Amino acid sequence: MDTRFEPTNPSSNRRSDVLEARERDSGLRLAELVAAFSLAMDLGLGQPMEHVLRAWLIAARLGDHVGLEHDQRGALYYMATLAWVGCVAAQAGYG
């Protein structure tokens, strides 16, 4: 019997479901995965390595300058690092 957590399922045990999810956790943070993808985007766009990460650093410094809150800076990180995802038209040799 499958015992997925569902609010309407009285036999579901949320605590054990959460513990099982932690056991499957690889320890990799989403921000680290996005940073790795940004390196692949650099290659795909024909840019020097860490180009996208440098763009985020500039954006973060601008965010500090204008006084962004902590959660807004987190959103800024994802916006800056994922801005070029799926933009294959900008690849080297296509422009």
Protein backbone atom coordinates (compact mmCIF):
# COMPACT_ATOMS: atom_id res chain seq x y z
CA MET A 1 0.00 0.00 0.00
CA ASP A 2 1.33 3.43 -0.95
CA THR A 3 1.35 5.81 2.04
CA ARG A 4 2.01 9.20 0.46
CA PHE A 5 1.23 12.17 2.64
CA GLU A 6 -2.15 13.60 1.86
CA PRO A 7 -4.09 15.88 4.23
CA THR A 8 -7.21 13.78 3.70
CA ASN A 9 -5.43 10.48 4.32
CA PRO A 10 -5.57 9.67 8.06
CA SER A 11 -3.05 6.83 7.68
CA SER A 12 -0.39 9.20 6.38
CA ASN A 13 2.41 10.12 8.78
CA ARG A 14 3.90 13.46 7.75
CA ARG A 15 6.92 13.17 10.04
CA SER A 16 8.07 9.86 8.59
CA ASP A 17 7.48 11.16 5.04
CA VAL A 18 9.72 14.17 5.76
CA LEU A 19 12.40 11.93 7.28
CA GLU A 20 12.35 9.70 4.22
CA ALA A 21 12.78 12.74 1.96
CA ARG A 22 15.82 13.86 3.99
CA GLU A 23 17.40 10.44 3.59
CA ARG A 24 17.11 10.82 -0.19
CA ASP A 25 18.54 14.37 -0.12
CA SER A 26 21.82 14.62 -2.02
CA GLY A 27 22.95 17.68 -0.08
CA LEU A 28 23.18 19.71 -3.28
CA ARG A 29 21.59 23.13 -2.91
CA LEU A 30 19.52 24.62 -5.72
CA ALA A 31 21.81 27.65 -5.89
CA GLU A 32 24.80 25.35 -6.52
CA LEU A 33 22.98 23.52 -9.28
CA VAL A 34 22.00 26.79 -10.94
CA ALA A 35 25.63 27.98 -10.74
CA ALA A 36 26.74 24.78 -12.49
CA PHE A 37 24.15 25.33 -15.22
CA SER A 38 25.40 28.89 -15.64
CA LEU A 39 28.83 27.53 -16.56
CA ALA A 40 27.21 25.42 -19.28
CA MET A 41 25.36 28.52 -20.51
CA ASP A 42 28.69 30.34 -20.75
CA LEU A 43 30.00 27.62 -23.04
CA GLY A 44 26.82 27.55 -25.11
CA LEU A 45 26.82 31.31 -25.58
CA GLY A 46 30.51 31.44 -26.45
CA GLN A 47 31.29 33.56 -23.39
CA PRO A 48 34.31 33.24 -21.09
CA MET A 49 33.83 30.91 -18.14
CA GLU A 50 31.98 32.43 -15.18
CA HIS A 51 30.54 35.22 -17.34
CA VAL A 52 27.03 34.67 -15.93
CA LEU A 53 28.37 34.45 -12.37
CA ARG A 54 30.18 37.77 -12.85
CA ALA A 55 26.92 39.27 -14.09
CA TRP A 56 25.28 38.09 -10.86
CA LEU A 57 28.09 39.63 -8.80
CA ILE A 58 27.52 42.98 -10.51
CA ALA A 59 23.76 42.64 -9.95
CA ALA A 60 24.33 41.78 -6.27
CA ARG A 61 26.52 44.84 -5.76
CA LEU A 62 23.89 47.02 -7.43
CA GLY A 63 21.26 45.40 -5.21
CA ASP A 64 23.31 46.26 -2.13
CA HIS A 65 23.70 49.81 -3.36
CA VAL A 66 19.95 50.33 -3.77
CA GLY A 67 19.18 48.56 -0.47
CA LEU A 68 17.47 45.34 -1.53
CA GLU A 69 16.21 43.07 1.25
CA HIS A 70 17.66 39.57 1.76
CA ASP A 71 14.79 37.76 0.00
CA GLN A 72 14.94 40.20 -2.91
CA ARG A 73 18.65 39.49 -3.30
CA GLY A 74 17.86 35.78 -3.46
CA ALA A 75 15.41 36.41 -6.29
CA LEU A 76 18.02 38.60 -7.98
CA TYR A 77 20.50 35.69 -7.92
CA TYR A 78 18.11 33.40 -9.77
CA MET A 79 17.07 36.12 -12.21
CA ALA A 80 20.68 36.96 -13.09
CA THR A 81 21.89 33.35 -13.37
CA LEU A 82 18.86 32.00 -15.24
CA ALA A 83 18.35 34.98 -17.56
CA TRP A 84 19.85 33.19 -20.56
CA VAL A 85 18.33 29.73 -20.07
CA GLY A 86 16.79 28.63 -23.34
CA CYS A 87 18.23 31.53 -25.35
CA VAL A 88 19.81 29.44 -28.09
CA ALA A 89 19.47 32.23 -30.67
CA ALA A 90 22.27 34.10 -28.90
CA GLN A 91 24.76 31.25 -29.33
CA ALA A 92 28.13 31.98 -30.84
CA GLY A 93 27.93 31.85 -34.63
CA TYR A 94 24.22 32.66 -34.82
CA GLY A 95 24.40 36.41 -34.56
